[in-house]
């Protein structure tokens, strides 16, 4: 699964982990957490709809990302592998995304 959702990973990834959806359904996840210097405009960010959990600065985003990835890494029941890459190669890739029940060809 590719997860490159421009800052919303801080809202989606915790739910993927806590509901078990990540470890139960996804073999490999590729994506990125947006906390680099060019991503300051994402912060402050409410992570939860009730506003109780706010990432004030990009350093908060980096810390949350690290904690979430560590949680997945130390879980004995999670076989999901994660690659943190900013892969925008799909922009120049001439291939369509695979459709359900199709195998991607290279």
C-alpha atoms as a PDB file:
ATOM      1  CA  UNK A   1       0.000   0.000   0.000  1.00  0.00           C
ATOM      2  CA  UNK A   2       1.234   3.471  -0.786  1.00  0.00           C
ATOM      3  CA  UNK A   3       0.518   6.119   1.826  1.00  0.00           C
ATOM      4  CA  UNK A   4       1.569   9.548   0.619  1.00  0.00           C
ATOM      5  CA  UNK A   5      -1.275  11.785   1.710  1.00  0.00           C
ATOM      6  CA  UNK A   6       0.496  15.086   2.351  1.00  0.00           C
ATOM      7  CA  UNK A   7       0.275  15.458   6.106  1.00  0.00           C
ATOM      8  CA  UNK A   8      -2.863  13.435   6.745  1.00  0.00           C
ATOM      9  CA  UNK A   9      -0.714  10.407   7.606  1.00  0.00           C
ATOM     10  CA  UNK A  10      -0.700  11.767  11.172  1.00  0.00           C
ATOM     11  CA  UNK A  11      -4.461  11.195  11.296  1.00  0.00           C
ATOM     12  CA  UNK A  12      -4.657   7.948   9.275  1.00  0.00           C
ATOM     13  CA  UNK A  13      -1.591   5.986  10.441  1.00  0.00           C
ATOM     14  CA  UNK A  14      -2.547   5.869  14.160  1.00  0.00           C
ATOM     15  CA  UNK A  15      -5.929   4.377  13.232  1.00  0.00           C
ATOM     16  CA  UNK A  16      -4.283   1.824  10.928  1.00  0.00           C
ATOM     17  CA  UNK A  17      -2.097   0.739  13.850  1.00  0.00           C
ATOM     18  CA  UNK A  18      -4.623   0.800  16.704  1.00  0.00           C
ATOM     19  CA  UNK A  19      -7.425  -0.961  14.805  1.00  0.00           C
ATOM     20  CA  UNK A  20      -5.072  -3.709  13.623  1.00  0.00           C
ATOM     21  CA  UNK A  21      -5.814  -2.921   9.980  1.00  0.00           C
ATOM     22  CA  UNK A  22      -2.146  -2.284   9.198  1.00  0.00           C
ATOM     23  CA  UNK A  23      -0.762  -5.530  10.583  1.00  0.00           C
ATOM     24  CA  UNK A  24      -3.712  -7.718   9.588  1.00  0.00           C
ATOM     25  CA  UNK A  25      -4.221  -6.546   6.014  1.00  0.00           C
ATOM     26  CA  UNK A  26      -1.126  -4.830   4.637  1.00  0.00           C
ATOM     27  CA  UNK A  27       2.057  -6.718   3.788  1.00  0.00           C
ATOM     28  CA  UNK A  28       4.135  -3.730   2.752  1.00  0.00           C
ATOM     29  CA  UNK A  29       3.561  -0.026   3.193  1.00  0.00           C
ATOM     30  CA  UNK A  30       5.505   2.658   1.370  1.00  0.00           C
ATOM     31  CA  UNK A  31       5.088   6.279   2.227  1.00  0.00           C
ATOM     32  CA  UNK A  32       6.416   9.223   4.130  1.00  0.00           C
ATOM     33  CA  UNK A  33       5.754  11.390   7.137  1.00  0.00           C
ATOM     34  CA  UNK A  34       5.837  15.080   6.290  1.00  0.00           C
ATOM     35  CA  UNK A  35       7.908  16.749   8.997  1.00  0.00           C
ATOM     36  CA  UNK A  36      10.892  18.121   7.068  1.00  0.00           C
ATOM     37  CA  UNK A  37      11.705  21.841   6.922  1.00  0.00           C
ATOM     38  CA  UNK A  38       9.546  22.364   3.832  1.00  0.00           C
ATOM     39  CA  UNK A  39       6.465  20.976   5.594  1.00  0.00           C
ATOM     40  CA  UNK A  40       6.067  23.597   8.323  1.00  0.00           C
ATOM     41  CA  UNK A  41       2.731  24.690   6.839  1.00  0.00           C
ATOM     42  CA  UNK A  42       1.107  21.432   8.059  1.00  0.00           C
ATOM     43  CA  UNK A  43       1.506  22.514  11.686  1.00  0.00           C
ATOM     44  CA  UNK A  44      -0.199  23.106  14.045  1.00  0.00           C
ATOM     45  CA  UNK A  45      -2.422  20.128  13.218  1.00  0.00           C
ATOM     46  CA  UNK A  46      -5.301  18.547  15.118  1.00  0.00           C
ATOM     47  CA  UNK A  47      -4.623  14.822  15.003  1.00  0.00           C
ATOM     48  CA  UNK A  48      -8.022  13.951  16.464  1.00  0.00           C
ATOM     49  CA  UNK A  49     -11.378  15.448  15.608  1.00  0.00           C
ATOM     50  CA  UNK A  50     -11.975  16.455  19.228  1.00  0.00           C
ATOM     51  CA  UNK A  51      -8.874  18.681  19.197  1.00  0.00           C
ATOM     52  CA  UNK A  52      -7.353  16.966  22.238  1.00  0.00           C
ATOM     53  CA  UNK A  53      -4.206  15.929  20.397  1.00  0.00           C
ATOM     54  CA  UNK A  54      -2.440  18.682  18.499  1.00  0.00           C
ATOM     55  CA  UNK A  55       0.951  18.581  16.824  1.00  0.00           C
ATOM     56  CA  UNK A  56       2.226  22.116  17.332  1.00  0.00           C
ATOM     57  CA  UNK A  57       5.453  21.903  15.314  1.00  0.00           C
ATOM     58  CA  UNK A  58       7.093  19.642  12.770  1.00  0.00           C
ATOM     59  CA  UNK A  59       9.320  18.263  15.559  1.00  0.00           C
ATOM     60  CA  UNK A  60       6.126  16.953  17.188  1.00  0.00           C
ATOM     61  CA  UNK A  61       5.304  15.256  13.897  1.00  0.00           C
ATOM     62  CA  UNK A  62       8.755  13.664  13.760  1.00  0.00           C
ATOM     63  CA  UNK A  63       8.348  12.373  17.317  1.00  0.00           C
ATOM     64  CA  UNK A  64       4.890  10.902  16.652  1.00  0.00           C
ATOM     65  CA  UNK A  65       6.138   9.258  13.442  1.00  0.00           C
ATOM     66  CA  UNK A  66       9.064   7.719  15.322  1.00  0.00           C
ATOM     67  CA  UNK A  67       6.796   6.392  18.082  1.00  0.00           C
ATOM     68  CA  UNK A  68       4.290   4.893  15.635  1.00  0.00           C
ATOM     69  CA  UNK A  69       7.006   3.206  13.584  1.00  0.00           C
ATOM     70  CA  UNK A  70       8.614   1.833  16.741  1.00  0.00           C
ATOM     71  CA  UNK A  71       5.264   0.437  17.870  1.00  0.00           C
ATOM     72  CA  UNK A  72       4.904  -1.457  14.588  1.00  0.00           C
ATOM     73  CA  UNK A  73       8.535  -2.587  14.738  1.00  0.00           C
ATOM     74  CA  UNK A  74       8.328  -4.083  18.242  1.00  0.00           C
ATOM     75  CA  UNK A  75       4.959  -5.767  17.721  1.00  0.00           C
ATOM     76  CA  UNK A  76       5.402  -9.542  17.560  1.00  0.00           C
ATOM     77  CA  UNK A  77       2.125  -9.911  15.660  1.00  0.00           C
ATOM     78  CA  UNK A  78       2.836  -7.426  12.888  1.00  0.00           C
ATOM     79  CA  UNK A  79       4.470  -8.674   9.705  1.00  0.00           C
ATOM     80  CA  UNK A  80       4.001  -5.417   7.819  1.00  0.00           C
ATOM     81  CA  UNK A  81       7.213  -4.010   6.418  1.00  0.00           C
ATOM     82  CA  UNK A  82       7.467  -0.259   6.014  1.00  0.00           C
ATOM     83  CA  UNK A  83       9.589   1.746   3.588  1.00  0.00           C
ATOM     84  CA  UNK A  84       9.808   5.454   4.227  1.00  0.00           C
ATOM     85  CA  UNK A  85      10.327   6.868   0.770  1.00  0.00           C
ATOM     86  CA  UNK A  86       9.185   9.977  -1.014  1.00  0.00           C
ATOM     87  CA  UNK A  87       8.426   8.124  -4.202  1.00  0.00           C
ATOM     88  CA  UNK A  88       6.903  10.385  -6.813  1.00  0.00           C
ATOM     89  CA  UNK A  89       7.974   8.185  -9.729  1.00  0.00           C
ATOM     90  CA  UNK A  90       4.342   7.443 -10.515  1.00  0.00           C
ATOM     91  CA  UNK A  91       4.147  10.936 -12.001  1.00  0.00           C
ATOM     92  CA  UNK A  92       6.212   9.826 -15.012  1.00  0.00           C
ATOM     93  CA  UNK A  93       5.274   6.138 -15.005  1.00  0.00           C
ATOM     94  CA  UNK A  94       3.351   5.259 -18.190  1.00  0.00           C
ATOM     95  CA  UNK A  95       1.552   2.327 -16.494  1.00  0.00           C
ATOM     96  CA  UNK A  96      -1.932   2.440 -15.011  1.00  0.00           C
ATOM     97  CA  UNK A  97      -2.499   1.374 -11.440  1.00  0.00           C
ATOM     98  CA  UNK A  98      -3.518  -2.295 -11.192  1.00  0.00           C
ATOM     99  CA  UNK A  99      -7.234  -2.933 -10.905  1.00  0.00           C
ATOM    100  CA  UNK A 100      -8.667  -5.345  -8.318  1.00  0.00           C
ATOM    101  CA  UNK A 101      -7.817  -8.973  -9.089  1.00  0.00           C
ATOM    102  CA  UNK A 102      -5.061  -7.961 -11.529  1.00  0.00           C
ATOM    103  CA  UNK A 103      -1.362  -8.383 -11.067  1.00  0.00           C
ATOM    104  CA  UNK A 104       0.883  -5.418 -11.805  1.00  0.00           C
ATOM    105  CA  UNK A 105       3.438  -5.955 -14.532  1.00  0.00           C
ATOM    106  CA  UNK A 106       6.667  -4.087 -14.950  1.00  0.00           C
END
